Amino acid sequence: MKRFLLGLALTLSFVSFGQNGANEVLTPPTNNSPYILVDTLFTLADASAGETDIYIHFSNPTADDITAVQFRLFYDNTSFSDIEVLWGPTATPVTDKYGSYFKNLDYVNVIAAYTGNSATFDWADGAMFKVKLTHSAVYDGVVDSMAVLGSTTYNNLATTSNGLDVTLEMENYGGNFQMDTLEFPIIVRNADGTPAQGVWFTSQKRLKPQGTWSTIGID
């Protein structure tokens, strides 16, 4: 199913998971090729939010101007029921552009191209794509990592300003997901309201869809 990339102009109040790489500039491992980069760690949104947004980065350390890219990403299609690819903050200001994506099974193919007349245009380094991952009915906060390699192969390519197709390298620094940190203060008091000293306790956690508890710690 092919979708078109959309530019969004929204005023948002971000919580800790809202950024997920939006304002970072990731460094590629070599200077020999343009890169699509997946960050080390993403923070999952709460189940009630319905979706988790992450950002995929582009970097071009070469001397060539890059005007187009095509690549494939793999994702956890059990925890996420849908995936959308939108323009990220570094690409949104570009007025002359075309983008589309095609999703199938556990992967999404992305195409982005500059369509203007500038002979010196080069996609800016940084968060070029925003990826919206819709939580599935079995979403429980335990999610497989984003991946650049999977069961199918794809010809990841970048195009220079003179129309030459070159290899677009894919670098995954981890792509792992974590749940947002929750802190619960534990205060133990005596019957008269004074602090109780030397009280031992055990804390446990349980994911919502599961029926078993696991120990967090003993103090």
N, C-alpha and C. Protein backbone atom coordinates (compact mmCIF):
# COMPACT_ATOMS: atom_id res chain seq x y z
N MET A 1 0.84 -1.18 0.00
CA MET A 1 0.00 0.00 0.00
C MET A 1 0.88 1.24 0.00
N LYS A 2 0.77 2.06 -1.01
CA LYS A 2 1.61 3.25 -1.10
C LYS A 2 0.92 4.41 -0.40
N ARG A 3 1.71 5.17 0.35
CA ARG A 3 1.23 6.37 1.03
C ARG A 3 2.13 7.53 0.65
N PHE A 4 1.61 8.75 0.73
CA PHE A 4 2.42 9.92 0.49
C PHE A 4 2.85 10.54 1.81
N LEU A 5 4.08 10.98 1.85
CA LEU A 5 4.57 11.66 3.03
C LEU A 5 3.87 12.99 3.17
N LEU A 6 3.49 13.32 4.39
CA LEU A 6 2.76 14.55 4.65
C LEU A 6 3.56 15.47 5.54
N GLY A 7 3.48 16.76 5.30
CA GLY A 7 4.09 17.73 6.20
C GLY A 7 3.05 18.17 7.21
N LEU A 8 3.40 18.15 8.50
CA LEU A 8 2.47 18.50 9.56
C LEU A 8 2.90 19.78 10.24
N ALA A 9 1.96 20.68 10.49
CA ALA A 9 2.24 21.89 11.24
C ALA A 9 1.34 21.89 12.46
N LEU A 10 1.86 21.42 13.59
CA LEU A 10 1.08 21.28 14.81
C LEU A 10 1.81 21.91 15.98
N THR A 11 1.05 22.39 16.94
CA THR A 11 1.63 22.86 18.19
C THR A 11 1.42 21.76 19.22
N LEU A 12 2.52 21.21 19.73
CA LEU A 12 2.46 20.06 20.63
C LEU A 12 3.11 20.38 21.96
N SER A 13 2.56 19.79 23.00
CA SER A 13 3.23 19.80 24.30
C SER A 13 3.94 18.47 24.44
N PHE A 14 5.26 18.47 24.40
CA PHE A 14 6.02 17.23 24.39
C PHE A 14 6.21 16.71 25.81
N VAL A 15 6.04 15.41 25.92
CA VAL A 15 6.47 14.74 27.14
C VAL A 15 7.76 14.02 26.79
N SER A 16 8.28 13.20 27.69
CA SER A 16 9.62 12.67 27.49
C SER A 16 9.77 11.84 26.23
N PHE A 17 8.69 11.15 25.80
CA PHE A 17 8.80 10.32 24.62
C PHE A 17 8.57 11.10 23.34
N GLY A 18 8.20 12.37 23.43
CA GLY A 18 7.81 13.14 22.25
C GLY A 18 8.96 13.47 21.33
N GLN A 19 10.17 13.58 21.87
CA GLN A 19 11.32 13.96 21.05
C GLN A 19 11.85 12.75 20.27
N ASN A 20 12.36 11.76 20.97
CA ASN A 20 12.85 10.52 20.35
C ASN A 20 13.75 10.77 19.15
N GLY A 21 14.66 11.74 19.29
CA GLY A 21 15.65 11.99 18.25
C GLY A 21 15.34 13.16 17.34
N ALA A 22 14.28 13.92 17.62
CA ALA A 22 13.88 15.00 16.72
C ALA A 22 14.94 16.08 16.61
N ASN A 23 15.65 16.38 17.68
CA ASN A 23 16.59 17.50 17.69
C ASN A 23 18.05 17.07 17.70
N GLU A 24 18.31 15.82 17.47
CA GLU A 24 19.68 15.32 17.46
C GLU A 24 20.27 15.33 16.04
N VAL A 25 21.58 15.28 15.96
CA VAL A 25 22.29 15.04 14.70
C VAL A 25 23.24 13.87 14.96
N LEU A 26 22.93 12.73 14.38
CA LEU A 26 23.72 11.53 14.59
C LEU A 26 24.95 11.53 13.68
N THR A 27 26.03 10.95 14.17
CA THR A 27 27.28 10.89 13.42
C THR A 27 27.40 9.55 12.70
N PRO A 28 27.66 9.54 11.39
CA PRO A 28 27.83 8.28 10.68
C PRO A 28 29.16 7.63 11.04
N PRO A 29 29.28 6.30 10.87
CA PRO A 29 30.51 5.60 11.27
C PRO A 29 31.69 5.85 10.34
N THR A 30 31.42 6.23 9.07
CA THR A 30 32.50 6.53 8.13
C THR A 30 32.13 7.78 7.33
N ASN A 31 33.09 8.32 6.58
CA ASN A 31 32.85 9.49 5.74
C ASN A 31 32.80 9.14 4.26
N ASN A 32 32.59 7.87 3.97
CA ASN A 32 32.69 7.41 2.58
C ASN A 32 31.38 7.43 1.82
N SER A 33 30.25 7.47 2.53
CA SER A 33 28.94 7.34 1.87
C SER A 33 27.90 8.13 2.62
N PRO A 34 26.79 8.48 1.95
CA PRO A 34 25.64 9.01 2.68
C PRO A 34 25.00 7.88 3.49
N TYR A 35 24.33 8.24 4.59
CA TYR A 35 23.80 7.25 5.52
C TYR A 35 22.36 7.56 5.92
N ILE A 36 21.60 6.50 6.15
CA ILE A 36 20.39 6.55 6.96
C ILE A 36 20.76 5.95 8.31
N LEU A 37 20.42 6.65 9.40
CA LEU A 37 20.88 6.28 10.73
C LEU A 37 19.70 6.03 11.67
N VAL A 38 19.75 4.92 12.41
CA VAL A 38 18.75 4.60 13.43
C VAL A 38 19.41 4.80 14.79
N ASP A 39 18.77 5.56 15.66
CA ASP A 39 19.33 5.90 16.96
C ASP A 39 19.43 4.68 17.88
N THR A 40 20.14 4.87 19.00
CA THR A 40 20.37 3.77 19.93
C THR A 40 19.12 3.36 20.69
N LEU A 41 18.33 4.33 21.12
CA LEU A 41 17.24 4.04 22.05
C LEU A 41 16.06 4.98 21.82
N PHE A 42 14.87 4.41 21.82
CA PHE A 42 13.63 5.17 21.71
C PHE A 42 12.77 4.89 22.94
N THR A 43 12.05 5.90 23.40
CA THR A 43 11.16 5.74 24.54
C THR A 43 9.73 5.55 24.05
N LEU A 44 9.10 4.48 24.49
CA LEU A 44 7.74 4.16 24.08
C LEU A 44 6.74 5.10 24.74
N ALA A 45 5.70 5.41 24.02
CA ALA A 45 4.59 6.16 24.59
C ALA A 45 3.72 5.23 25.43
N ASP A 46 2.98 5.81 26.34
CA ASP A 46 2.05 5.03 27.15
C ASP A 46 1.00 4.40 26.24
N ALA A 47 0.45 3.28 26.67
CA ALA A 47 -0.54 2.57 25.86
C ALA A 47 -1.73 3.46 25.53
N SER A 48 -2.10 4.34 26.45
CA SER A 48 -3.26 5.21 26.22
C SER A 48 -3.01 6.23 25.13
N ALA A 49 -1.76 6.51 24.79
CA ALA A 49 -1.45 7.47 23.73
C ALA A 49 -1.80 6.93 22.36
N GLY A 50 -1.78 5.60 22.21
CA GLY A 50 -2.18 5.00 20.95
C GLY A 50 -1.08 4.88 19.91
N GLU A 51 0.01 5.64 20.07
CA GLU A 51 1.08 5.58 19.08
C GLU A 51 2.39 6.07 19.69
N THR A 52 3.48 5.64 19.11
CA THR A 52 4.82 6.10 19.47
C THR A 52 5.47 6.69 18.24
N ASP A 53 6.01 7.90 18.36
CA ASP A 53 6.68 8.56 17.25
C ASP A 53 8.20 8.52 17.46
N ILE A 54 8.92 8.14 16.41
CA ILE A 54 10.38 8.15 16.45
C ILE A 54 10.89 8.89 15.22
N TYR A 55 12.19 9.20 15.21
CA TYR A 55 12.77 9.94 14.08
C TYR A 55 13.94 9.16 13.51
N ILE A 56 13.97 9.10 12.18
CA ILE A 56 15.04 8.43 11.45
C ILE A 56 15.91 9.51 10.80
N HIS A 57 17.22 9.35 10.92
CA HIS A 57 18.16 10.40 10.53
C HIS A 57 18.85 10.13 9.20
N PHE A 58 19.23 11.23 8.56
CA PHE A 58 20.04 11.20 7.35
C PHE A 58 21.33 11.95 7.63
N SER A 59 22.42 11.46 7.06
CA SER A 59 23.70 12.17 7.16
C SER A 59 24.49 11.96 5.88
N ASN A 60 25.05 13.05 5.37
CA ASN A 60 25.86 12.97 4.16
C ASN A 60 27.23 13.60 4.44
N PRO A 61 28.21 12.79 4.82
CA PRO A 61 29.54 13.33 5.11
C PRO A 61 30.43 13.46 3.86
N THR A 62 29.89 13.11 2.68
CA THR A 62 30.69 13.15 1.46
C THR A 62 30.65 14.54 0.83
N ALA A 63 31.45 14.71 -0.20
CA ALA A 63 31.50 15.99 -0.92
C ALA A 63 30.36 16.13 -1.92
N ASP A 64 29.66 15.06 -2.24
CA ASP A 64 28.56 15.10 -3.21
C ASP A 64 27.28 15.63 -2.57
N ASP A 65 26.51 16.38 -3.33
CA ASP A 65 25.19 16.80 -2.90
C ASP A 65 24.21 15.65 -3.16
N ILE A 66 23.41 15.29 -2.14
CA ILE A 66 22.45 14.19 -2.27
C ILE A 66 21.05 14.78 -2.39
N THR A 67 20.35 14.40 -3.47
CA THR A 67 19.02 14.95 -3.73
C THR A 67 17.90 13.94 -3.53
N ALA A 68 18.21 12.64 -3.41
CA ALA A 68 17.16 11.63 -3.26
C ALA A 68 17.70 10.42 -2.52
N VAL A 69 16.81 9.73 -1.80
CA VAL A 69 17.16 8.48 -1.11
C VAL A 69 16.01 7.50 -1.24
N GLN A 70 16.35 6.24 -1.22
CA GLN A 70 15.35 5.17 -1.10
C GLN A 70 15.94 4.09 -0.20
N PHE A 71 15.12 3.59 0.75
CA PHE A 71 15.63 2.62 1.71
C PHE A 71 14.49 1.83 2.33
N ARG A 72 14.86 0.76 3.05
CA ARG A 72 13.88 -0.11 3.71
C ARG A 72 14.22 -0.20 5.20
N LEU A 73 13.18 -0.10 6.04
CA LEU A 73 13.28 -0.29 7.48
C LEU A 73 12.38 -1.43 7.92
N PHE A 74 12.80 -2.17 8.95
CA PHE A 74 12.00 -3.25 9.51
C PHE A 74 11.53 -2.85 10.92
N TYR A 75 10.32 -3.29 11.28
CA TYR A 75 9.74 -2.92 12.58
C TYR A 75 8.92 -4.08 13.14
N ASP A 76 8.59 -3.97 14.40
CA ASP A 76 7.82 -4.99 15.11
C ASP A 76 6.34 -4.84 14.75
N ASN A 77 5.87 -5.67 13.81
CA ASN A 77 4.48 -5.54 13.36
C ASN A 77 3.50 -6.31 14.23
N THR A 78 3.99 -6.88 15.34
CA THR A 78 3.09 -7.46 16.33
C THR A 78 2.69 -6.42 17.36
N SER A 79 3.68 -5.70 17.87
CA SER A 79 3.39 -4.64 18.84
C SER A 79 2.79 -3.40 18.18
N PHE A 80 3.12 -3.19 16.90
CA PHE A 80 2.60 -2.04 16.16
C PHE A 80 1.73 -2.54 15.01
N SER A 81 0.51 -2.04 14.94
CA SER A 81 -0.43 -2.49 13.92
C SER A 81 -0.32 -1.68 12.64
N ASP A 82 0.34 -0.53 12.69
CA ASP A 82 0.46 0.31 11.49
C ASP A 82 1.71 1.16 11.60
N ILE A 83 2.22 1.58 10.45
CA ILE A 83 3.38 2.45 10.39
C ILE A 83 3.12 3.52 9.35
N GLU A 84 3.45 4.77 9.68
CA GLU A 84 3.36 5.89 8.75
C GLU A 84 4.71 6.61 8.74
N VAL A 85 5.09 7.11 7.59
CA VAL A 85 6.34 7.85 7.47
C VAL A 85 6.02 9.26 7.01
N LEU A 86 6.41 10.24 7.83
CA LEU A 86 6.16 11.65 7.56
C LEU A 86 7.48 12.38 7.44
N TRP A 87 7.43 13.60 6.98
CA TRP A 87 8.64 14.43 6.93
C TRP A 87 9.06 14.80 8.34
N GLY A 88 10.35 14.71 8.61
CA GLY A 88 10.90 15.13 9.89
C GLY A 88 11.27 16.61 9.85
N PRO A 89 11.78 17.14 10.97
CA PRO A 89 12.04 18.58 11.07
C PRO A 89 13.09 19.13 10.12
N THR A 90 14.06 18.33 9.70
CA THR A 90 15.06 18.86 8.77
C THR A 90 14.55 18.91 7.34
N ALA A 91 13.54 18.09 7.01
CA ALA A 91 13.01 18.05 5.65
C ALA A 91 11.77 18.92 5.46
N THR A 92 11.04 19.16 6.54
CA THR A 92 9.78 19.91 6.43
C THR A 92 9.95 21.27 5.77
N PRO A 93 11.01 22.06 6.05
CA PRO A 93 11.12 23.38 5.44
C PRO A 93 11.38 23.36 3.93
N VAL A 94 11.77 22.22 3.38
CA VAL A 94 12.03 22.14 1.94
C VAL A 94 10.69 22.14 1.20
N THR A 95 10.48 23.13 0.36
CA THR A 95 9.17 23.27 -0.31
C THR A 95 9.05 22.38 -1.54
N ASP A 96 10.14 22.17 -2.25
CA ASP A 96 10.10 21.38 -3.49
C ASP A 96 10.61 19.97 -3.21
N LYS A 97 9.69 19.07 -2.92
CA LYS A 97 10.09 17.71 -2.57
C LYS A 97 8.96 16.74 -2.87
N TYR A 98 9.32 15.48 -3.01
CA TYR A 98 8.36 14.40 -3.19
C TYR A 98 8.74 13.26 -2.26
N GLY A 99 7.74 12.66 -1.63
CA GLY A 99 8.01 11.51 -0.77
C GLY A 99 6.88 10.51 -0.83
N SER A 100 7.22 9.25 -0.69
CA SER A 100 6.21 8.20 -0.60
C SER A 100 6.77 7.03 0.20
N TYR A 101 5.87 6.17 0.65
CA TYR A 101 6.33 4.95 1.32
C TYR A 101 5.38 3.81 1.01
N PHE A 102 5.92 2.61 1.08
CA PHE A 102 5.17 1.39 0.82
C PHE A 102 5.42 0.43 1.97
N LYS A 103 4.35 -0.02 2.60
CA LYS A 103 4.51 -0.93 3.74
C LYS A 103 3.99 -2.32 3.38
N ASN A 104 4.66 -3.33 3.89
CA ASN A 104 4.28 -4.71 3.62
C ASN A 104 4.89 -5.60 4.69
N LEU A 105 4.07 -6.46 5.28
CA LEU A 105 4.55 -7.36 6.32
C LEU A 105 5.23 -6.58 7.44
N ASP A 106 6.54 -6.81 7.67
CA ASP A 106 7.22 -6.16 8.79
C ASP A 106 8.21 -5.09 8.32
N TYR A 107 8.01 -4.54 7.14
CA TYR A 107 8.95 -3.53 6.66
C TYR A 107 8.21 -2.40 5.95
N VAL A 108 8.94 -1.31 5.77
CA VAL A 108 8.42 -0.16 5.02
C VAL A 108 9.53 0.35 4.11
N ASN A 109 9.18 0.62 2.85
CA ASN A 109 10.10 1.22 1.89
C ASN A 109 9.82 2.71 1.82
N VAL A 110 10.87 3.52 1.84
CA VAL A 110 10.72 4.97 1.86
C VAL A 110 11.47 5.58 0.68
N ILE A 111 10.83 6.54 0.00
CA ILE A 111 11.46 7.29 -1.08
C ILE A 111 11.28 8.77 -0.80
N ALA A 112 12.35 9.54 -0.93
CA ALA A 112 12.29 10.99 -0.76
C ALA A 112 13.19 11.64 -1.79
N ALA A 113 12.68 12.66 -2.48
CA ALA A 113 13.46 13.30 -3.55
C ALA A 113 13.21 14.80 -3.56
N TYR A 114 14.27 15.54 -3.82
CA TYR A 114 14.18 16.97 -4.04
C TYR A 114 13.73 17.21 -5.48
N THR A 115 12.75 18.09 -5.68
CA THR A 115 12.18 18.32 -7.02
C THR A 115 12.40 19.75 -7.51
N GLY A 116 13.20 20.52 -6.78
CA GLY A 116 13.42 21.91 -7.16
C GLY A 116 14.53 22.06 -8.19
N ASN A 117 14.93 23.33 -8.42
CA ASN A 117 15.89 23.66 -9.48
C ASN A 117 17.27 24.05 -8.97
N SER A 118 17.49 24.01 -7.66
CA SER A 118 18.79 24.40 -7.12
C SER A 118 19.86 23.37 -7.49
N ALA A 119 20.95 23.86 -8.04
CA ALA A 119 22.05 22.97 -8.44
C ALA A 119 22.92 22.57 -7.26
N THR A 120 22.72 23.22 -6.12
CA THR A 120 23.55 22.95 -4.94
C THR A 120 22.75 22.38 -3.78
N PHE A 121 21.53 21.93 -4.05
CA PHE A 121 20.71 21.39 -2.96
C PHE A 121 21.32 20.10 -2.41
N ASP A 122 21.27 19.97 -1.09
CA ASP A 122 21.73 18.76 -0.40
C ASP A 122 20.84 18.58 0.81
N TRP A 123 20.25 17.39 0.97
CA TRP A 123 19.42 17.16 2.14
C TRP A 123 20.24 17.40 3.41
N ALA A 124 19.65 18.11 4.36
CA ALA A 124 20.36 18.46 5.59
C ALA A 124 20.53 17.25 6.49
N ASP A 125 21.63 17.21 7.22
CA ASP A 125 21.85 16.16 8.21
C ASP A 125 20.86 16.34 9.36
N GLY A 126 20.40 15.24 9.90
CA GLY A 126 19.50 15.30 11.06
C GLY A 126 18.26 14.45 10.86
N ALA A 127 17.21 14.78 11.61
CA ALA A 127 15.98 13.97 11.65
C ALA A 127 15.14 14.24 10.41
N MET A 128 15.43 13.53 9.35
CA MET A 128 14.76 13.75 8.06
C MET A 128 13.36 13.16 8.02
N PHE A 129 13.13 12.07 8.78
CA PHE A 129 11.85 11.37 8.73
C PHE A 129 11.26 11.18 10.13
N LYS A 130 9.97 11.38 10.21
CA LYS A 130 9.22 11.05 11.43
C LYS A 130 8.42 9.78 11.15
N VAL A 131 8.59 8.78 12.00
CA VAL A 131 7.91 7.50 11.83
C VAL A 131 6.88 7.35 12.95
N LYS A 132 5.63 7.21 12.54
CA LYS A 132 4.53 7.06 13.51
C LYS A 132 4.15 5.59 13.58
N LEU A 133 4.29 4.99 14.76
CA LEU A 133 4.01 3.58 15.00
C LEU A 133 2.75 3.44 15.84
N THR A 134 1.71 2.87 15.27
CA THR A 134 0.42 2.72 15.97
C THR A 134 0.45 1.47 16.85
N HIS A 135 0.09 1.64 18.11
CA HIS A 135 0.08 0.50 19.03
C HIS A 135 -1.00 -0.50 18.64
N SER A 136 -0.66 -1.77 18.70
CA SER A 136 -1.63 -2.81 18.37
C SER A 136 -2.44 -3.19 19.61
N ALA A 137 -3.36 -4.11 19.44
CA ALA A 137 -4.20 -4.55 20.55
C ALA A 137 -3.40 -5.32 21.59
N VAL A 138 -2.24 -5.88 21.21
CA VAL A 138 -1.42 -6.65 22.16
C VAL A 138 -0.20 -5.84 22.61
N TYR A 139 -0.18 -4.56 22.32
CA TYR A 139 0.94 -3.71 22.75
C TYR A 139 1.05 -3.73 24.27
N ASP A 140 2.24 -4.10 24.78
CA ASP A 140 2.41 -4.21 26.22
C ASP A 140 3.70 -3.57 26.72
N GLY A 141 4.36 -2.78 25.85
CA GLY A 141 5.58 -2.12 26.27
C GLY A 141 6.84 -2.93 26.05
N VAL A 142 6.70 -4.15 25.54
CA VAL A 142 7.86 -4.98 25.20
C VAL A 142 7.91 -5.08 23.68
N VAL A 143 8.85 -4.36 23.06
CA VAL A 143 8.84 -4.19 21.61
C VAL A 143 10.20 -4.55 21.03
N ASP A 144 10.19 -5.27 19.92
CA ASP A 144 11.44 -5.58 19.22
C ASP A 144 12.03 -4.31 18.62
N SER A 145 13.34 -4.30 18.45
CA SER A 145 14.06 -3.12 17.97
C SER A 145 13.74 -2.81 16.50
N MET A 146 13.90 -1.55 16.12
CA MET A 146 13.91 -1.18 14.72
C MET A 146 15.13 -1.83 14.07
N ALA A 147 15.04 -2.16 12.79
CA ALA A 147 16.14 -2.86 12.14
C ALA A 147 16.33 -2.34 10.72
N VAL A 148 17.55 -2.45 10.23
CA VAL A 148 17.86 -2.10 8.85
C VAL A 148 18.09 -3.34 8.01
N LEU A 149 18.14 -4.52 8.66
CA LEU A 149 18.26 -5.80 7.98
C LEU A 149 17.12 -6.70 8.42
N GLY A 150 16.60 -7.48 7.48
CA GLY A 150 15.51 -8.38 7.81
C GLY A 150 15.46 -9.56 6.87
N SER A 151 14.29 -10.16 6.74
CA SER A 151 14.15 -11.38 5.95
C SER A 151 14.16 -11.11 4.44
N THR A 152 13.98 -9.86 4.06
CA THR A 152 14.00 -9.51 2.64
C THR A 152 15.10 -8.48 2.38
N THR A 153 15.60 -8.45 1.16
CA THR A 153 16.66 -7.50 0.81
C THR A 153 16.09 -6.35 0.00
N TYR A 154 16.86 -5.27 -0.05
CA TYR A 154 16.41 -4.08 -0.76
C TYR A 154 17.63 -3.31 -1.23
N ASN A 155 17.50 -2.61 -2.35
CA ASN A 155 18.59 -1.85 -2.91
C ASN A 155 18.53 -0.42 -2.38
N ASN A 156 19.16 -0.18 -1.23
CA ASN A 156 19.16 1.16 -0.64
C ASN A 156 20.08 2.06 -1.46
N LEU A 157 19.54 3.17 -1.95
CA LEU A 157 20.29 4.03 -2.86
C LEU A 157 20.12 5.50 -2.49
N ALA A 158 21.14 6.27 -2.82
CA ALA A 158 21.07 7.74 -2.78
C ALA A 158 21.40 8.25 -4.18
N THR A 159 20.86 9.42 -4.53
CA THR A 159 21.11 10.01 -5.84
C THR A 159 21.79 11.35 -5.66
N THR A 160 22.88 11.55 -6.40
CA THR A 160 23.62 12.81 -6.33
C THR A 160 22.96 13.86 -7.22
N SER A 161 23.43 15.09 -7.10
CA SER A 161 22.83 16.19 -7.86
C SER A 161 23.02 16.05 -9.36
N ASN A 162 24.01 15.26 -9.78
CA ASN A 162 24.20 15.04 -11.22
C ASN A 162 23.51 13.78 -11.73
N GLY A 163 22.63 13.20 -10.89
CA GLY A 163 21.83 12.07 -11.32
C GLY A 163 22.45 10.71 -11.15
N LEU A 164 23.57 10.61 -10.46
CA LEU A 164 24.25 9.34 -10.27
C LEU A 164 23.72 8.64 -9.03
N ASP A 165 23.33 7.38 -9.17
CA ASP A 165 22.91 6.58 -8.02
C ASP A 165 24.13 5.99 -7.33
N VAL A 166 24.19 6.17 -6.01
CA VAL A 166 25.29 5.65 -5.21
C VAL A 166 24.71 4.86 -4.04
N THR A 167 25.54 4.08 -3.41
CA THR A 167 25.10 3.27 -2.26
C THR A 167 24.69 4.17 -1.10
N LEU A 168 23.54 3.90 -0.55
CA LEU A 168 23.08 4.55 0.68
C LEU A 168 23.31 3.56 1.81
N GLU A 169 24.27 3.86 2.66
CA GLU A 169 24.58 2.96 3.77
C GLU A 169 23.50 3.06 4.85
N MET A 170 23.27 1.95 5.54
CA MET A 170 22.28 1.89 6.62
C MET A 170 23.02 1.53 7.91
N GLU A 171 22.91 2.39 8.91
CA GLU A 171 23.60 2.14 10.18
C GLU A 171 22.58 2.15 11.31
N ASN A 172 22.54 1.05 12.05
CA ASN A 172 21.64 0.93 13.20
C ASN A 172 22.49 0.93 14.47
N TYR A 173 22.33 1.97 15.28
CA TYR A 173 23.08 2.06 16.54
C TYR A 173 22.38 1.33 17.69
N GLY A 174 21.32 0.64 17.38
CA GLY A 174 20.61 -0.13 18.41
C GLY A 174 19.13 -0.24 18.09
N GLY A 175 18.48 0.91 17.94
CA GLY A 175 17.06 0.93 17.60
C GLY A 175 16.17 0.32 18.65
N ASN A 176 16.65 0.25 19.90
CA ASN A 176 15.88 -0.40 20.96
C ASN A 176 14.80 0.51 21.52
N PHE A 177 13.77 -0.12 22.06
CA PHE A 177 12.67 0.61 22.70
C PHE A 177 12.69 0.35 24.20
N GLN A 178 12.39 1.40 24.96
CA GLN A 178 12.25 1.26 26.41
C GLN A 178 10.96 1.95 26.85
N MET A 179 10.40 1.46 27.93
CA MET A 179 9.24 2.13 28.51
C MET A 179 9.71 3.35 29.29
N ASP A 180 8.86 4.35 29.38
CA ASP A 180 9.19 5.54 30.15
C ASP A 180 9.36 5.16 31.62
N THR A 181 10.28 5.84 32.29
CA THR A 181 10.56 5.54 33.69
C THR A 181 9.43 6.03 34.59
N LEU A 182 8.98 5.16 35.46
CA LEU A 182 7.97 5.51 36.46
C LEU A 182 8.60 5.44 37.84
N GLU A 183 8.38 6.46 38.64
CA GLU A 183 8.93 6.48 39.99
C GLU A 183 7.79 6.55 41.01
N PHE A 184 7.79 5.60 41.92
CA PHE A 184 6.77 5.53 42.97
C PHE A 184 7.46 5.64 44.32
N PRO A 185 7.34 6.77 45.00
CA PRO A 185 7.96 6.88 46.33
C PRO A 185 7.23 5.98 47.34
N ILE A 186 8.00 5.30 48.17
CA ILE A 186 7.44 4.42 49.20
C ILE A 186 7.78 5.01 50.56
N ILE A 187 6.77 5.40 51.28
CA ILE A 187 6.95 5.99 52.61
C ILE A 187 6.23 5.11 53.63
N VAL A 188 6.97 4.61 54.60
CA VAL A 188 6.40 3.75 55.64
C VAL A 188 6.36 4.53 56.95
N ARG A 189 5.19 4.58 57.57
CA ARG A 189 5.03 5.33 58.82
C ARG A 189 4.48 4.43 59.92
N ASN A 190 4.78 4.84 61.14
CA ASN A 190 4.19 4.18 62.30
C ASN A 190 2.74 4.60 62.44
N ALA A 191 2.04 3.95 63.36
CA ALA A 191 0.63 4.24 63.55
C ALA A 191 0.39 5.69 63.96
N ASP A 192 1.39 6.32 64.64
CA ASP A 192 1.22 7.70 65.06
C ASP A 192 1.68 8.71 64.00
N GLY A 193 2.05 8.19 62.81
CA GLY A 193 2.43 9.08 61.72
C GLY A 193 3.90 9.39 61.63
N THR A 194 4.70 8.94 62.58
CA THR A 194 6.14 9.19 62.54
C THR A 194 6.80 8.22 61.56
N PRO A 195 7.95 8.60 60.94
CA PRO A 195 8.63 7.71 59.99
C PRO A 195 9.04 6.40 60.65
N ALA A 196 8.79 5.30 59.99
CA ALA A 196 9.19 3.99 60.47
C ALA A 196 10.59 3.68 59.97
N GLN A 197 11.45 3.26 60.84
CA GLN A 197 12.84 2.99 60.48
C GLN A 197 13.08 1.48 60.37
N GLY A 198 13.96 1.12 59.42
CA GLY A 198 14.39 -0.28 59.32
C GLY A 198 13.31 -1.24 58.87
N VAL A 199 12.34 -0.76 58.09
CA VAL A 199 11.27 -1.63 57.60
C VAL A 199 11.71 -2.27 56.28
N TRP A 200 11.58 -3.57 56.18
CA TRP A 200 11.91 -4.29 54.95
C TRP A 200 10.67 -4.40 54.07
N PHE A 201 10.86 -4.27 52.76
CA PHE A 201 9.73 -4.41 51.85
C PHE A 201 10.22 -4.97 50.52
N THR A 202 9.29 -5.54 49.75
CA THR A 202 9.56 -6.04 48.41
C THR A 202 8.63 -5.34 47.43
N SER A 203 9.19 -4.83 46.33
CA SER A 203 8.36 -4.20 45.30
C SER A 203 8.32 -5.09 44.07
N GLN A 204 7.16 -5.14 43.42
CA GLN A 204 6.97 -5.98 42.25
C GLN A 204 6.31 -5.19 41.13
N LYS A 205 6.43 -5.71 39.90
CA LYS A 205 5.79 -5.09 38.74
C LYS A 205 5.07 -6.17 37.94
N ARG A 206 4.07 -5.73 37.18
CA ARG A 206 3.34 -6.65 36.30
C ARG A 206 2.86 -5.86 35.08
N LEU A 207 3.20 -6.36 33.87
CA LEU A 207 2.67 -5.75 32.66
C LEU A 207 1.18 -6.02 32.57
N LYS A 208 0.43 -5.04 32.07
CA LYS A 208 -1.03 -5.09 32.12
C LYS A 208 -1.64 -6.37 31.55
N PRO A 209 -1.20 -6.86 30.35
CA PRO A 209 -1.88 -8.05 29.81
C PRO A 209 -1.44 -9.35 30.48
N GLN A 210 -0.43 -9.30 31.35
CA GLN A 210 0.10 -10.53 31.92
C GLN A 210 -0.43 -10.77 33.31
N GLY A 211 -0.41 -12.03 33.71
CA GLY A 211 -0.99 -12.38 35.00
C GLY A 211 0.02 -12.62 36.09
N THR A 212 1.30 -12.51 35.82
CA THR A 212 2.32 -12.80 36.81
C THR A 212 3.07 -11.54 37.20
N TRP A 213 3.56 -11.53 38.45
CA TRP A 213 4.33 -10.39 38.96
C TRP A 213 5.79 -10.78 39.01
N SER A 214 6.66 -9.80 38.79
CA SER A 214 8.11 -10.04 38.93
C SER A 214 8.67 -9.00 39.88
N THR A 215 9.68 -9.40 40.64
CA THR A 215 10.26 -8.52 41.66
C THR A 215 11.13 -7.45 41.04
N ILE A 216 10.91 -6.20 41.45
CA ILE A 216 11.77 -5.10 41.04
C ILE A 216 12.99 -5.01 41.95
N GLY A 217 12.73 -5.07 43.25
CA GLY A 217 13.83 -4.98 44.19
C GLY A 217 13.37 -5.23 45.62
N ILE A 218 14.31 -5.49 46.47
CA ILE A 218 14.05 -5.69 47.90
C ILE A 218 14.91 -4.73 48.69
N ASP A 219 14.29 -4.07 49.66
CA ASP A 219 15.03 -3.08 50.46
C ASP A 219 14.59 -3.15 51.92
